[in-house]
């Protein structure tokens, strides 16, 4: 009698990392990799087609970062669990990921076996945090749950903030999101007002500080 396998989708903008994780998971018959993605938007699109049990994704990715992709997946596919696999162990990243709805958070330097443990854990409804992550972070998250501070932007505003910080023009953003440049400008104005930031360099600095984009590529 064959057991049901866990369907997993991988999302990471570094090809060598994706291939490494893919090779790892393919060696385990209880896991079936149903697709890979290079950015958060592609991860959301492919998840809507393949209905994975678990999505393993990085945080810092172009077009749509892993945090925002998680927010969309939680809304569109509430049964799909998300595990963040990243090099970033900063408290800011961890708290934002947990607030977005991730069920697991692992550092890329974790042992390969830990990823498999995390996949099994989140599929059965548990949380799984890397052994390297301090319990203090968990306590901070539970105390701050629901209190986003300045992070009161709409989903569209957060998308536009990331694309602006990545250096895209209003016209390029409009094309990417399927809206008009005027609508982009309206959202941009609103998010700047909410954040109290009045120029593009300020938006870029904010996005970097909050982990929405990264400086290295």
N, C-alpha and C. Protein backbone atom coordinates (compact mmCIF):
# COMPACT_ATOMS: atom_id res chain seq x y z
N UNK A 1 0.86 -1.19 0.00
CA UNK A 1 0.00 0.00 0.00
C UNK A 1 0.90 1.25 0.00
N UNK A 2 0.72 2.11 -0.99
CA UNK A 2 1.56 3.31 -1.11
C UNK A 2 1.00 4.44 -0.27
N UNK A 3 1.90 5.17 0.37
CA UNK A 3 1.48 6.29 1.19
C UNK A 3 1.39 7.56 0.35
N UNK A 4 0.56 8.46 0.78
CA UNK A 4 0.41 9.75 0.09
C UNK A 4 1.69 10.55 0.22
N UNK A 5 2.12 11.17 -0.87
CA UNK A 5 3.32 12.00 -0.82
C UNK A 5 2.95 13.46 -0.57
N UNK A 6 3.90 14.21 -0.05
CA UNK A 6 3.70 15.64 0.20
C UNK A 6 4.13 16.43 -1.03
N UNK A 7 3.22 17.22 -1.57
CA UNK A 7 3.52 18.03 -2.74
C UNK A 7 4.20 19.34 -2.30
N UNK A 8 5.38 19.59 -2.85
CA UNK A 8 6.17 20.75 -2.45
C UNK A 8 6.50 21.62 -3.65
N UNK A 9 6.38 22.93 -3.48
CA UNK A 9 6.80 23.92 -4.48
C UNK A 9 7.99 24.68 -3.93
N UNK A 10 9.04 24.87 -4.73
CA UNK A 10 10.25 25.57 -4.30
C UNK A 10 10.33 26.94 -4.95
N UNK A 11 10.69 27.95 -4.18
CA UNK A 11 10.85 29.31 -4.72
C UNK A 11 12.13 29.94 -4.18
N UNK A 12 13.07 30.20 -5.07
CA UNK A 12 14.32 30.87 -4.70
C UNK A 12 14.89 31.47 -5.97
N UNK A 13 15.39 32.71 -5.90
CA UNK A 13 15.89 33.36 -7.10
C UNK A 13 17.31 32.95 -7.48
N UNK A 14 17.95 32.12 -6.68
CA UNK A 14 19.28 31.61 -7.02
C UNK A 14 19.15 30.19 -7.56
N UNK A 15 19.51 30.03 -8.83
CA UNK A 15 19.35 28.73 -9.50
C UNK A 15 20.07 27.61 -8.77
N UNK A 16 21.29 27.86 -8.32
CA UNK A 16 22.06 26.81 -7.67
C UNK A 16 21.41 26.35 -6.37
N UNK A 17 20.75 27.29 -5.67
CA UNK A 17 20.06 26.94 -4.42
C UNK A 17 18.83 26.09 -4.74
N UNK A 18 18.05 26.53 -5.75
CA UNK A 18 16.85 25.76 -6.14
C UNK A 18 17.23 24.34 -6.53
N UNK A 19 18.28 24.22 -7.34
CA UNK A 19 18.68 22.89 -7.81
C UNK A 19 19.17 22.02 -6.66
N UNK A 20 19.84 22.65 -5.69
CA UNK A 20 20.32 21.90 -4.54
C UNK A 20 19.18 21.37 -3.69
N UNK A 21 18.18 22.23 -3.43
CA UNK A 21 17.02 21.80 -2.65
C UNK A 21 16.23 20.75 -3.41
N UNK A 22 16.08 20.96 -4.73
CA UNK A 22 15.35 20.01 -5.56
C UNK A 22 16.00 18.63 -5.50
N UNK A 23 17.33 18.60 -5.62
CA UNK A 23 18.07 17.34 -5.56
C UNK A 23 17.88 16.66 -4.20
N UNK A 24 17.91 17.45 -3.15
CA UNK A 24 17.72 16.92 -1.80
C UNK A 24 16.35 16.27 -1.65
N UNK A 25 15.31 16.99 -2.06
CA UNK A 25 13.95 16.48 -1.86
C UNK A 25 13.61 15.31 -2.78
N UNK A 26 14.18 15.31 -3.98
CA UNK A 26 13.89 14.23 -4.91
C UNK A 26 14.45 12.89 -4.43
N UNK A 27 15.38 12.95 -3.49
CA UNK A 27 15.96 11.72 -2.95
C UNK A 27 15.05 11.07 -1.92
N UNK A 28 13.94 11.75 -1.59
CA UNK A 28 13.02 11.22 -0.58
C UNK A 28 11.65 10.95 -1.22
N UNK A 29 11.28 9.68 -1.32
CA UNK A 29 10.04 9.30 -2.01
C UNK A 29 8.76 9.84 -1.39
N UNK A 30 8.82 10.25 -0.10
CA UNK A 30 7.61 10.78 0.51
C UNK A 30 7.31 12.22 0.11
N UNK A 31 8.22 12.82 -0.68
CA UNK A 31 8.05 14.20 -1.14
C UNK A 31 8.01 14.23 -2.67
N UNK A 32 7.07 14.99 -3.22
CA UNK A 32 6.99 15.20 -4.66
C UNK A 32 7.09 16.69 -4.94
N UNK A 33 8.13 17.11 -5.67
CA UNK A 33 8.29 18.51 -6.02
C UNK A 33 7.43 18.79 -7.25
N UNK A 34 6.45 19.66 -7.10
CA UNK A 34 5.49 19.93 -8.19
C UNK A 34 5.85 21.15 -9.02
N UNK A 35 6.94 21.85 -8.63
CA UNK A 35 7.35 23.00 -9.42
C UNK A 35 8.39 23.84 -8.71
N UNK A 36 9.02 24.73 -9.47
CA UNK A 36 9.99 25.66 -8.91
C UNK A 36 9.67 27.06 -9.43
N UNK A 37 10.10 28.08 -8.69
CA UNK A 37 9.84 29.47 -9.08
C UNK A 37 11.04 30.33 -8.76
N UNK A 38 11.22 31.41 -9.55
CA UNK A 38 12.36 32.30 -9.39
C UNK A 38 12.05 33.54 -8.58
N UNK A 39 10.76 33.80 -8.33
CA UNK A 39 10.37 34.96 -7.54
C UNK A 39 9.02 34.69 -6.88
N UNK A 40 8.64 35.60 -5.99
CA UNK A 40 7.42 35.40 -5.24
C UNK A 40 6.16 35.36 -6.09
N UNK A 41 6.10 36.19 -7.11
CA UNK A 41 4.91 36.21 -7.96
C UNK A 41 4.76 34.91 -8.73
N UNK A 42 5.88 34.40 -9.23
CA UNK A 42 5.84 33.12 -9.94
C UNK A 42 5.44 32.00 -8.98
N UNK A 43 5.88 32.09 -7.74
CA UNK A 43 5.51 31.09 -6.73
C UNK A 43 4.00 31.08 -6.51
N UNK A 44 3.41 32.27 -6.40
CA UNK A 44 1.96 32.37 -6.20
C UNK A 44 1.22 31.80 -7.41
N UNK A 45 1.67 32.19 -8.61
CA UNK A 45 1.01 31.73 -9.84
C UNK A 45 1.08 30.21 -9.97
N UNK A 46 2.26 29.65 -9.71
CA UNK A 46 2.41 28.20 -9.85
C UNK A 46 1.68 27.44 -8.76
N UNK A 47 1.61 28.02 -7.58
CA UNK A 47 0.87 27.37 -6.50
C UNK A 47 -0.62 27.29 -6.83
N UNK A 48 -1.14 28.31 -7.48
CA UNK A 48 -2.55 28.31 -7.85
C UNK A 48 -2.85 27.24 -8.90
N UNK A 49 -1.81 26.80 -9.61
CA UNK A 49 -1.99 25.76 -10.63
C UNK A 49 -1.76 24.36 -10.07
N UNK A 50 -0.82 24.23 -9.13
CA UNK A 50 -0.43 22.90 -8.65
C UNK A 50 -0.95 22.53 -7.27
N UNK A 51 -1.48 23.50 -6.53
CA UNK A 51 -2.05 23.26 -5.19
C UNK A 51 -1.09 22.45 -4.29
N UNK A 52 0.10 22.98 -4.03
CA UNK A 52 1.05 22.23 -3.20
C UNK A 52 0.61 22.18 -1.74
N UNK A 53 1.09 21.16 -1.04
CA UNK A 53 0.84 21.08 0.39
C UNK A 53 1.73 22.08 1.12
N UNK A 54 2.97 22.21 0.62
CA UNK A 54 3.96 23.07 1.26
C UNK A 54 4.71 23.87 0.20
N UNK A 55 4.94 25.15 0.48
CA UNK A 55 5.80 25.98 -0.36
C UNK A 55 7.03 26.32 0.47
N UNK A 56 8.21 26.03 -0.09
CA UNK A 56 9.47 26.38 0.55
C UNK A 56 10.04 27.55 -0.22
N UNK A 57 10.17 28.71 0.44
CA UNK A 57 10.61 29.89 -0.31
C UNK A 57 11.57 30.78 0.48
N UNK A 58 12.36 31.51 -0.29
CA UNK A 58 13.28 32.48 0.28
C UNK A 58 12.49 33.74 0.64
N UNK A 59 13.10 34.62 1.41
CA UNK A 59 12.47 35.90 1.75
C UNK A 59 12.77 36.94 0.69
N UNK A 60 14.04 37.18 0.42
CA UNK A 60 14.44 38.25 -0.49
C UNK A 60 14.46 37.73 -1.93
N UNK A 61 13.40 38.06 -2.66
CA UNK A 61 13.30 37.69 -4.08
C UNK A 61 12.77 38.88 -4.86
N UNK A 62 13.11 38.99 -6.14
CA UNK A 62 12.64 40.12 -6.95
C UNK A 62 11.15 40.02 -7.26
N UNK A 63 10.60 41.12 -7.78
CA UNK A 63 9.20 41.26 -8.21
C UNK A 63 8.24 41.20 -7.02
N UNK A 64 8.25 40.10 -6.29
CA UNK A 64 7.42 39.97 -5.09
C UNK A 64 8.23 39.16 -4.08
N UNK A 65 8.50 39.76 -2.92
CA UNK A 65 9.33 39.05 -1.93
C UNK A 65 8.55 37.93 -1.25
N UNK A 66 9.27 37.09 -0.52
CA UNK A 66 8.65 35.92 0.09
C UNK A 66 7.59 36.23 1.12
N UNK A 67 7.74 37.37 1.81
CA UNK A 67 6.74 37.75 2.82
C UNK A 67 5.42 38.08 2.16
N UNK A 68 5.47 38.90 1.11
CA UNK A 68 4.24 39.28 0.42
C UNK A 68 3.64 38.09 -0.32
N UNK A 69 4.48 37.23 -0.85
CA UNK A 69 3.99 36.03 -1.51
C UNK A 69 3.25 35.14 -0.51
N UNK A 70 3.78 35.06 0.70
CA UNK A 70 3.12 34.28 1.76
C UNK A 70 1.76 34.86 2.08
N UNK A 71 1.66 36.19 2.19
CA UNK A 71 0.37 36.82 2.48
C UNK A 71 -0.66 36.44 1.41
N UNK A 72 -0.24 36.48 0.15
CA UNK A 72 -1.17 36.13 -0.93
C UNK A 72 -1.57 34.66 -0.88
N UNK A 73 -0.59 33.80 -0.62
CA UNK A 73 -0.89 32.37 -0.55
C UNK A 73 -1.83 32.05 0.60
N UNK A 74 -1.66 32.71 1.72
CA UNK A 74 -2.53 32.47 2.87
C UNK A 74 -3.97 32.85 2.54
N UNK A 75 -4.14 33.86 1.70
CA UNK A 75 -5.48 34.29 1.32
C UNK A 75 -6.06 33.40 0.21
N UNK A 76 -5.23 33.07 -0.78
CA UNK A 76 -5.71 32.33 -1.94
C UNK A 76 -5.77 30.82 -1.71
N UNK A 77 -4.79 30.29 -0.98
CA UNK A 77 -4.70 28.85 -0.75
C UNK A 77 -4.45 28.59 0.75
N UNK A 78 -5.45 28.79 1.57
CA UNK A 78 -5.26 28.69 3.02
C UNK A 78 -4.78 27.32 3.50
N UNK A 79 -4.99 26.27 2.70
CA UNK A 79 -4.54 24.94 3.11
C UNK A 79 -3.06 24.71 2.84
N UNK A 80 -2.46 25.57 2.01
CA UNK A 80 -1.03 25.44 1.68
C UNK A 80 -0.20 26.06 2.79
N UNK A 81 0.79 25.33 3.27
CA UNK A 81 1.67 25.81 4.33
C UNK A 81 2.96 26.37 3.72
N UNK A 82 3.49 27.42 4.31
CA UNK A 82 4.70 28.06 3.80
C UNK A 82 5.85 27.90 4.79
N UNK A 83 6.99 27.48 4.27
CA UNK A 83 8.23 27.42 5.05
C UNK A 83 9.21 28.39 4.42
N UNK A 84 9.74 29.29 5.21
CA UNK A 84 10.78 30.20 4.74
C UNK A 84 12.13 29.53 4.93
N UNK A 85 12.93 29.52 3.87
CA UNK A 85 14.30 29.00 3.92
C UNK A 85 15.20 30.12 3.43
N UNK A 86 15.92 30.75 4.34
CA UNK A 86 16.63 31.97 4.01
C UNK A 86 17.97 32.07 4.73
N UNK A 87 18.79 33.00 4.27
CA UNK A 87 20.05 33.27 4.95
C UNK A 87 19.87 34.31 6.05
N UNK A 88 18.69 34.95 6.10
CA UNK A 88 18.45 36.04 7.04
C UNK A 88 17.85 35.53 8.36
N UNK A 89 18.61 35.71 9.44
CA UNK A 89 18.13 35.30 10.75
C UNK A 89 17.80 36.48 11.64
N UNK A 90 17.75 37.70 11.05
CA UNK A 90 17.44 38.90 11.83
C UNK A 90 16.01 38.85 12.37
N UNK A 91 15.84 39.39 13.55
CA UNK A 91 14.53 39.38 14.20
C UNK A 91 13.46 40.05 13.34
N UNK A 92 13.82 41.12 12.65
CA UNK A 92 12.86 41.84 11.80
C UNK A 92 12.27 40.90 10.75
N UNK A 93 13.11 40.13 10.07
CA UNK A 93 12.64 39.20 9.05
C UNK A 93 11.75 38.12 9.66
N UNK A 94 12.21 37.57 10.77
CA UNK A 94 11.48 36.47 11.39
C UNK A 94 10.08 36.90 11.83
N UNK A 95 10.00 38.05 12.49
CA UNK A 95 8.71 38.53 12.98
C UNK A 95 7.75 38.84 11.84
N UNK A 96 8.27 39.46 10.78
CA UNK A 96 7.41 39.78 9.64
C UNK A 96 6.93 38.51 8.95
N UNK A 97 7.81 37.50 8.87
CA UNK A 97 7.41 36.24 8.25
C UNK A 97 6.32 35.55 9.06
N UNK A 98 6.48 35.51 10.37
CA UNK A 98 5.47 34.89 11.23
C UNK A 98 4.15 35.65 11.17
N UNK A 99 4.23 36.96 11.15
CA UNK A 99 3.01 37.77 11.02
C UNK A 99 2.31 37.54 9.69
N UNK A 100 3.09 37.24 8.66
CA UNK A 100 2.51 37.00 7.33
C UNK A 100 1.83 35.64 7.25
N UNK A 101 2.18 34.73 8.17
CA UNK A 101 1.51 33.43 8.19
C UNK A 101 2.38 32.23 7.87
N UNK A 102 3.71 32.38 7.85
CA UNK A 102 4.55 31.21 7.59
C UNK A 102 4.42 30.23 8.74
N UNK A 103 4.57 28.95 8.43
CA UNK A 103 4.48 27.91 9.45
C UNK A 103 5.85 27.38 9.84
N UNK A 104 6.86 27.71 9.03
CA UNK A 104 8.20 27.26 9.34
C UNK A 104 9.21 28.32 8.93
N UNK A 105 10.32 28.40 9.66
CA UNK A 105 11.37 29.38 9.34
C UNK A 105 12.71 28.70 9.58
N UNK A 106 13.46 28.49 8.50
CA UNK A 106 14.76 27.83 8.58
C UNK A 106 15.85 28.70 7.99
N UNK A 107 17.04 28.59 8.52
CA UNK A 107 18.19 29.26 7.96
C UNK A 107 18.87 28.31 6.97
N UNK A 108 19.43 28.86 5.90
CA UNK A 108 20.02 28.02 4.86
C UNK A 108 21.23 27.22 5.35
N UNK A 109 21.81 27.65 6.45
CA UNK A 109 22.93 26.87 6.98
C UNK A 109 22.45 25.71 7.84
N UNK A 110 21.15 25.53 7.96
CA UNK A 110 20.62 24.39 8.72
C UNK A 110 20.95 23.08 8.00
N UNK A 111 20.97 21.99 8.74
CA UNK A 111 21.22 20.69 8.14
C UNK A 111 20.09 20.33 7.19
N UNK A 112 20.43 19.60 6.13
CA UNK A 112 19.44 19.21 5.13
C UNK A 112 18.28 18.44 5.76
N UNK A 113 18.60 17.61 6.74
CA UNK A 113 17.55 16.80 7.38
C UNK A 113 16.52 17.68 8.07
N UNK A 114 16.93 18.88 8.48
CA UNK A 114 16.00 19.76 9.19
C UNK A 114 14.89 20.25 8.27
N UNK A 115 15.19 20.43 7.00
CA UNK A 115 14.16 20.86 6.06
C UNK A 115 13.09 19.79 5.94
N UNK A 116 13.49 18.55 5.88
CA UNK A 116 12.52 17.45 5.80
C UNK A 116 11.68 17.38 7.08
N UNK A 117 12.32 17.61 8.20
CA UNK A 117 11.58 17.63 9.47
C UNK A 117 10.56 18.76 9.47
N UNK A 118 10.96 19.91 8.93
CA UNK A 118 10.07 21.07 8.88
C UNK A 118 8.87 20.80 7.97
N UNK A 119 9.11 20.18 6.84
CA UNK A 119 8.03 19.87 5.90
C UNK A 119 7.01 18.93 6.56
N UNK A 120 7.51 17.91 7.22
CA UNK A 120 6.61 16.97 7.90
C UNK A 120 5.82 17.67 9.00
N UNK A 121 6.51 18.55 9.75
CA UNK A 121 5.87 19.23 10.87
C UNK A 121 4.74 20.15 10.42
N UNK A 122 5.01 21.00 9.42
CA UNK A 122 3.99 21.96 9.02
C UNK A 122 2.82 21.28 8.33
N UNK A 123 3.09 20.18 7.64
CA UNK A 123 1.97 19.50 6.98
C UNK A 123 1.00 18.91 8.00
N UNK A 124 1.52 18.50 9.15
CA UNK A 124 0.60 17.95 10.16
C UNK A 124 0.02 19.03 11.06
N UNK A 125 0.31 20.31 10.72
CA UNK A 125 -0.32 21.41 11.44
C UNK A 125 0.52 22.08 12.50
N UNK A 126 1.78 21.67 12.63
CA UNK A 126 2.65 22.27 13.63
C UNK A 126 3.46 23.43 13.04
N UNK A 127 4.08 24.21 13.92
CA UNK A 127 5.07 25.19 13.50
C UNK A 127 6.45 24.54 13.57
N UNK A 128 7.37 25.05 12.76
CA UNK A 128 8.74 24.56 12.86
C UNK A 128 9.69 25.74 12.68
N UNK A 129 10.47 26.04 13.70
CA UNK A 129 11.45 27.11 13.63
C UNK A 129 12.84 26.51 13.79
N UNK A 130 13.78 27.02 13.01
CA UNK A 130 15.15 26.54 13.07
C UNK A 130 15.67 26.55 14.50
N UNK A 131 16.44 25.56 14.82
CA UNK A 131 17.00 25.46 16.17
C UNK A 131 17.89 26.65 16.50
N UNK A 132 18.34 27.38 15.47
CA UNK A 132 19.21 28.53 15.70
C UNK A 132 18.44 29.80 16.06
N UNK A 133 17.13 29.76 15.92
CA UNK A 133 16.33 30.95 16.19
C UNK A 133 15.97 31.00 17.67
N UNK A 134 16.23 32.12 18.30
CA UNK A 134 16.03 32.27 19.74
C UNK A 134 14.55 32.20 20.11
N UNK A 135 14.29 31.58 21.27
CA UNK A 135 12.91 31.52 21.78
C UNK A 135 12.40 32.92 22.13
N UNK A 136 13.32 33.82 22.33
CA UNK A 136 12.93 35.20 22.62
C UNK A 136 12.14 35.78 21.45
N UNK A 137 12.54 35.39 20.23
CA UNK A 137 11.86 35.86 19.04
C UNK A 137 10.41 35.40 19.04
N UNK A 138 10.18 34.15 19.43
CA UNK A 138 8.82 33.62 19.48
C UNK A 138 7.98 34.41 20.47
N UNK A 139 8.57 34.69 21.62
CA UNK A 139 7.86 35.45 22.64
C UNK A 139 7.53 36.85 22.16
N UNK A 140 8.48 37.46 21.44
CA UNK A 140 8.24 38.80 20.90
C UNK A 140 7.10 38.76 19.90
N UNK A 141 7.07 37.73 19.07
CA UNK A 141 6.01 37.61 18.07
C UNK A 141 4.64 37.46 18.73
N UNK A 142 4.55 36.59 19.72
CA UNK A 142 3.27 36.37 20.39
C UNK A 142 2.78 37.64 21.09
N UNK A 143 3.72 38.41 21.64
CA UNK A 143 3.35 39.65 22.33
C UNK A 143 2.93 40.73 21.35
N UNK A 144 3.53 40.67 20.16
CA UNK A 144 3.26 41.73 19.18
C UNK A 144 2.27 41.32 18.11
N UNK A 145 1.71 40.12 18.20
CA UNK A 145 0.79 39.64 17.16
C UNK A 145 -0.32 40.64 16.90
N UNK A 146 -0.47 40.97 15.64
CA UNK A 146 -1.51 41.92 15.26
C UNK A 146 -1.10 43.36 15.34
N UNK A 147 0.08 43.63 15.89
CA UNK A 147 0.53 45.02 16.00
C UNK A 147 1.61 45.27 14.96
N UNK A 148 1.24 45.74 13.81
CA UNK A 148 2.17 45.90 12.69
C UNK A 148 2.92 47.22 12.73
N UNK A 149 2.60 48.11 13.65
CA UNK A 149 3.31 49.39 13.72
C UNK A 149 3.06 50.21 12.46
N UNK A 150 4.15 50.62 11.82
CA UNK A 150 4.01 51.43 10.61
C UNK A 150 3.63 50.60 9.40
N UNK A 151 3.59 49.27 9.55
CA UNK A 151 3.33 48.42 8.38
C UNK A 151 1.83 48.29 8.13
N UNK A 152 1.23 49.42 7.78
CA UNK A 152 -0.21 49.46 7.56
C UNK A 152 -0.55 49.71 6.09
N UNK A 153 0.30 49.26 5.22
CA UNK A 153 0.07 49.45 3.79
C UNK A 153 -0.82 48.34 3.25
N UNK A 154 -1.55 48.65 2.16
CA UNK A 154 -2.35 47.62 1.52
C UNK A 154 -1.42 46.69 0.75
N UNK A 155 -1.97 45.57 0.32
CA UNK A 155 -1.18 44.60 -0.45
C UNK A 155 -0.61 45.26 -1.70
N UNK A 156 -1.43 46.02 -2.42
CA UNK A 156 -0.97 46.69 -3.64
C UNK A 156 0.11 47.71 -3.34
N UNK A 157 -0.05 48.45 -2.25
CA UNK A 157 0.96 49.44 -1.87
C UNK A 157 2.28 48.78 -1.53
N UNK A 158 2.22 47.62 -0.88
CA UNK A 158 3.47 46.91 -0.57
C UNK A 158 4.14 46.39 -1.83
N UNK A 159 3.35 45.92 -2.79
CA UNK A 159 3.91 45.49 -4.07
C UNK A 159 4.63 46.64 -4.76
N UNK A 160 3.95 47.80 -4.79
CA UNK A 160 4.52 48.96 -5.46
C UNK A 160 5.75 49.46 -4.74
N UNK A 161 5.73 49.42 -3.41
CA UNK A 161 6.91 49.82 -2.64
C UNK A 161 8.11 48.97 -3.03
N UNK A 162 7.93 47.66 -3.13
CA UNK A 162 9.05 46.80 -3.50
C UNK A 162 9.56 47.13 -4.90
N UNK A 163 8.66 47.31 -5.85
CA UNK A 163 9.06 47.57 -7.23
C UNK A 163 9.74 48.94 -7.37
N UNK A 164 9.25 49.93 -6.61
CA UNK A 164 9.90 51.25 -6.61
C UNK A 164 11.32 51.12 -6.06
N UNK A 165 11.45 50.39 -4.96
CA UNK A 165 12.76 50.22 -4.33
C UNK A 165 13.72 49.44 -5.22
N UNK A 166 13.17 48.60 -6.09
CA UNK A 166 14.01 47.85 -7.02
C UNK A 166 14.41 48.68 -8.23
N UNK A 167 13.90 49.92 -8.31
CA UNK A 167 14.32 50.83 -9.37
C UNK A 167 13.42 50.90 -10.58
N UNK A 168 12.22 50.35 -10.50
CA UNK A 168 11.31 50.36 -11.63
C UNK A 168 10.57 51.71 -11.73
N UNK A 169 10.30 52.14 -12.95
CA UNK A 169 9.54 53.37 -13.17
C UNK A 169 8.05 53.10 -13.01
N UNK A 170 7.26 54.16 -12.91
CA UNK A 170 5.81 54.00 -12.80
C UNK A 170 5.25 53.22 -13.98
N UNK A 171 5.77 53.49 -15.17
CA UNK A 171 5.27 52.79 -16.36
C UNK A 171 5.62 51.30 -16.31
N UNK A 172 6.83 50.99 -15.87
CA UNK A 172 7.23 49.59 -15.76
C UNK A 172 6.40 48.86 -14.70
N UNK A 173 6.13 49.55 -13.60
CA UNK A 173 5.31 48.96 -12.54
C UNK A 173 3.89 48.72 -13.04
N UNK A 174 3.36 49.69 -13.78
CA UNK A 174 2.00 49.56 -14.32
C UNK A 174 1.90 48.34 -15.22
N UNK A 175 2.92 48.15 -16.06
CA UNK A 175 2.94 46.99 -16.97
C UNK A 175 3.02 45.69 -16.19
N UNK A 176 3.86 45.65 -15.16
CA UNK A 176 4.05 44.43 -14.38
C UNK A 176 2.79 44.05 -13.61
N UNK A 177 2.05 45.05 -13.13
CA UNK A 177 0.88 44.78 -12.30
C UNK A 177 -0.45 44.84 -13.07
N UNK A 178 -0.37 45.22 -14.34
CA UNK A 178 -1.59 45.28 -15.14
C UNK A 178 -2.53 46.42 -14.77
N UNK A 179 -1.95 47.55 -14.35
CA UNK A 179 -2.74 48.73 -14.01
C UNK A 179 -2.17 49.92 -14.76
N UNK A 180 -2.79 51.08 -14.64
CA UNK A 180 -2.33 52.26 -15.36
C UNK A 180 -1.24 53.00 -14.58
N UNK A 181 -0.38 53.75 -15.28
CA UNK A 181 0.64 54.54 -14.58
C UNK A 181 0.01 55.52 -13.59
N UNK A 182 -1.18 56.04 -13.92
CA UNK A 182 -1.86 56.97 -13.02
C UNK A 182 -2.24 56.26 -11.72
N UNK A 183 -2.70 55.02 -11.83
CA UNK A 183 -3.07 54.26 -10.63
C UNK A 183 -1.83 53.98 -9.78
N UNK A 184 -0.73 53.68 -10.45
CA UNK A 184 0.54 53.46 -9.74
C UNK A 184 0.91 54.72 -8.96
N UNK A 185 0.78 55.86 -9.61
CA UNK A 185 1.13 57.13 -8.96
C UNK A 185 0.24 57.39 -7.75
N UNK A 186 -1.04 57.04 -7.86
CA UNK A 186 -1.97 57.22 -6.74
C UNK A 186 -1.57 56.35 -5.55
N UNK A 187 -1.28 55.08 -5.83
CA UNK A 187 -0.85 54.17 -4.75
C UNK A 187 0.47 54.65 -4.14
N UNK A 188 1.35 55.11 -5.00
CA UNK A 188 2.67 55.57 -4.54
C UNK A 188 2.54 56.76 -3.60
N UNK A 189 1.65 57.67 -3.97
CA UNK A 189 1.41 58.85 -3.14
C UNK A 189 0.82 58.45 -1.79
N UNK A 190 -0.11 57.52 -1.81
CA UNK A 190 -0.76 57.08 -0.57
C UNK A 190 0.23 56.40 0.36
N UNK A 191 1.08 55.52 -0.20
CA UNK A 191 2.01 54.81 0.68
C UNK A 191 3.06 55.75 1.25
N UNK A 192 3.45 56.78 0.48
CA UNK A 192 4.40 57.76 0.98
C UNK A 192 3.78 58.58 2.12
N UNK A 193 2.49 58.88 1.97
CA UNK A 193 1.79 59.62 3.01
C UNK A 193 1.68 58.79 4.28
N UNK A 194 1.33 57.49 4.14
CA UNK A 194 1.19 56.61 5.30
C UNK A 194 2.51 56.45 6.05
N UNK A 195 3.61 56.39 5.28
CA UNK A 195 4.92 56.16 5.88
C UNK A 195 5.61 57.46 6.31
N UNK A 196 5.06 58.58 5.87
CA UNK A 196 5.69 59.86 6.19
C UNK A 196 7.01 60.03 5.46
N UNK A 197 7.11 59.46 4.28
CA UNK A 197 8.32 59.55 3.45
C UNK A 197 7.97 60.34 2.19
N UNK A 198 8.83 61.26 1.82
CA UNK A 198 8.46 62.19 0.76
C UNK A 198 9.34 62.15 -0.48
N UNK A 199 10.22 61.16 -0.58
CA UNK A 199 11.01 61.03 -1.81
C UNK A 199 11.38 59.56 -2.04
N UNK A 200 11.79 59.26 -3.28
CA UNK A 200 12.11 57.88 -3.64
C UNK A 200 13.29 57.31 -2.85
N UNK A 201 14.39 58.07 -2.66
CA UNK A 201 15.49 57.53 -1.85
C UNK A 201 15.04 57.12 -0.46
N UNK A 202 14.09 57.87 0.10
CA UNK A 202 13.57 57.53 1.41
C UNK A 202 12.82 56.21 1.38
N UNK A 203 12.05 55.98 0.29
CA UNK A 203 11.33 54.72 0.14
C UNK A 203 12.31 53.55 0.02
N UNK A 204 13.39 53.78 -0.73
CA UNK A 204 14.39 52.73 -0.91
C UNK A 204 15.03 52.37 0.43
N UNK A 205 15.41 53.40 1.20
CA UNK A 205 16.02 53.15 2.50
C UNK A 205 15.06 52.39 3.42
N UNK A 206 13.79 52.78 3.40
CA UNK A 206 12.78 52.11 4.23
C UNK A 206 12.65 50.65 3.82
N UNK A 207 12.58 50.40 2.52
CA UNK A 207 12.41 49.03 2.02
C UNK A 207 13.60 48.15 2.39
N UNK A 208 14.79 48.71 2.35
CA UNK A 208 15.98 47.95 2.74
C UNK A 208 15.97 47.66 4.23
N UNK A 209 15.62 48.69 5.01
CA UNK A 209 15.60 48.54 6.47
C UNK A 209 14.59 47.50 6.92
N UNK A 210 13.46 47.43 6.22
CA UNK A 210 12.40 46.49 6.59
C UNK A 210 12.57 45.12 5.95
N UNK A 211 13.63 44.95 5.16
CA UNK A 211 13.87 43.65 4.56
C UNK A 211 12.99 43.34 3.36
N UNK A 212 12.39 44.38 2.77
CA UNK A 212 11.51 44.19 1.61
C UNK A 212 12.35 43.93 0.37
N UNK A 213 13.48 44.59 0.27
CA UNK A 213 14.46 44.35 -0.78
C UNK A 213 15.81 44.19 -0.13
N UNK A 214 16.75 43.64 -0.84
CA UNK A 214 18.09 43.49 -0.31
C UNK A 214 19.07 44.30 -1.13
N UNK A 215 20.18 44.63 -0.55
CA UNK A 215 21.19 45.44 -1.24
C UNK A 215 21.99 44.57 -2.19
N UNK A 216 22.37 43.36 -1.75
CA UNK A 216 23.15 42.47 -2.62
C UNK A 216 22.21 41.79 -3.60
N UNK A 217 22.78 41.30 -4.70
CA UNK A 217 21.96 40.63 -5.71
C UNK A 217 22.49 39.25 -6.01
